[in-house]
Protein backbone atom coordinates (compact mmCIF):
# COMPACT_ATOMS: atom_id res chain seq x y z
CA MET A 1 86.75 144.16 26.78
CA PHE A 2 83.23 145.19 27.02
CA PRO A 3 81.95 147.71 29.56
CA MET A 4 79.90 146.56 32.53
CA THR A 5 76.38 146.94 32.93
CA MET A 6 74.99 148.55 36.11
CA GLN A 7 73.68 145.24 37.19
CA GLN A 8 76.99 143.55 36.77
CA LEU A 9 78.49 146.25 38.49
CA ARG A 10 76.33 145.76 41.67
CA ASP A 11 76.81 142.25 41.46
CA ARG A 12 80.58 142.58 41.66
CA MET A 13 80.47 145.13 44.27
CA ILE A 14 77.96 142.79 46.39
CA GLN A 15 80.66 139.88 45.73
CA TYR A 16 83.44 142.14 47.15
CA LEU A 17 81.41 142.98 50.30
CA THR A 18 80.17 139.52 51.10
CA ILE A 19 83.15 137.27 50.23
CA THR A 20 86.40 139.36 49.39
CA ILE A 21 86.49 141.53 52.47
CA PRO A 22 85.65 138.79 55.12
CA LEU A 23 88.31 136.63 53.60
CA GLY A 24 90.89 139.19 53.39
CA THR A 25 90.17 140.29 57.16
CA PHE A 26 90.38 136.41 58.06
CA ILE A 27 93.61 136.25 56.35
CA VAL A 28 94.94 139.15 58.26
CA SER A 29 93.56 137.88 61.68
CA VAL A 30 95.56 134.66 61.16
CA LEU A 31 98.59 136.34 60.30
CA ALA A 32 98.22 138.53 63.42
CA LEU A 33 97.74 135.53 65.55
CA CYS A 34 100.70 133.86 64.06
CA TYR A 35 102.57 137.14 65.12
CA PHE A 36 101.38 137.34 68.57
CA VAL A 37 101.61 133.44 69.31
CA TRP A 38 104.67 132.37 67.44
CA TRP A 39 106.85 135.47 66.79
CA SER A 40 106.43 137.42 69.75
CA GLY A 41 105.64 134.33 72.14
CA ASP A 42 102.54 136.35 73.47
CA HIS A 43 99.85 133.73 74.72
CA SER A 44 97.67 136.06 76.35
CA THR A 45 93.76 136.53 75.79
CA GLY A 46 94.40 139.84 74.89
CA ALA A 47 96.80 138.71 72.02
CA LEU A 48 93.71 136.62 70.88
CA ILE A 49 91.30 139.20 71.03
CA TYR A 50 93.60 141.84 69.17
CA SER A 51 94.38 139.44 66.40
CA LEU A 52 90.58 138.76 65.88
CA ILE A 53 89.67 142.53 65.59
CA PRO A 54 90.15 142.74 61.63
CA PHE A 55 87.99 139.61 61.13
CA ILE A 56 85.07 141.18 63.27
CA MET A 57 85.49 144.39 61.24
CA GLY A 58 85.31 142.60 57.92
CA ILE A 59 82.37 140.73 59.14
CA LEU A 60 80.62 144.33 60.37
CA ILE A 61 81.80 145.77 56.90
CA SER A 62 80.14 142.82 55.17
CA ILE A 63 76.61 143.16 56.76
CA PRO A 64 75.26 145.91 54.38
CA GLY A 65 76.30 143.47 51.36
CA TRP A 66 74.01 140.87 52.59
CA PHE A 67 70.92 143.27 52.86
CA TRP A 68 71.92 144.82 49.57
CA LYS A 69 72.03 141.00 47.70
CA ARG A 70 68.65 140.27 48.97
CA GLU A 71 67.27 143.72 47.69
CA ALA A 72 69.02 143.25 44.41
CA GLN A 73 67.36 139.84 43.96
CA LYS A 74 63.78 141.16 44.62
CA HIS A 75 64.43 144.02 42.24
CA ASP A 76 65.49 141.55 39.68
CA ASN A 77 62.74 139.38 40.10
CA LYS A 78 60.28 142.40 39.72
CA GLN A 79 61.73 143.27 36.57
CA LYS A 80 61.08 139.57 35.13
């Protein structure tokens, strides 16, 4: 297997920040919602809010990746 260049590593990290983290935290939030609503029988608003916290945190963590992607595209266009 060939070693990755810095540009490929950067693109992989951007993909991880902007796609994988929000998707993973969304899955965790759905599982938490299922736990609170179905398995423990808690239908309160607090349970809904508590189950959405991982997804909200995932979105907040991914925000720098969106800016990083835009700056990376500008940098790549300057090199051409």
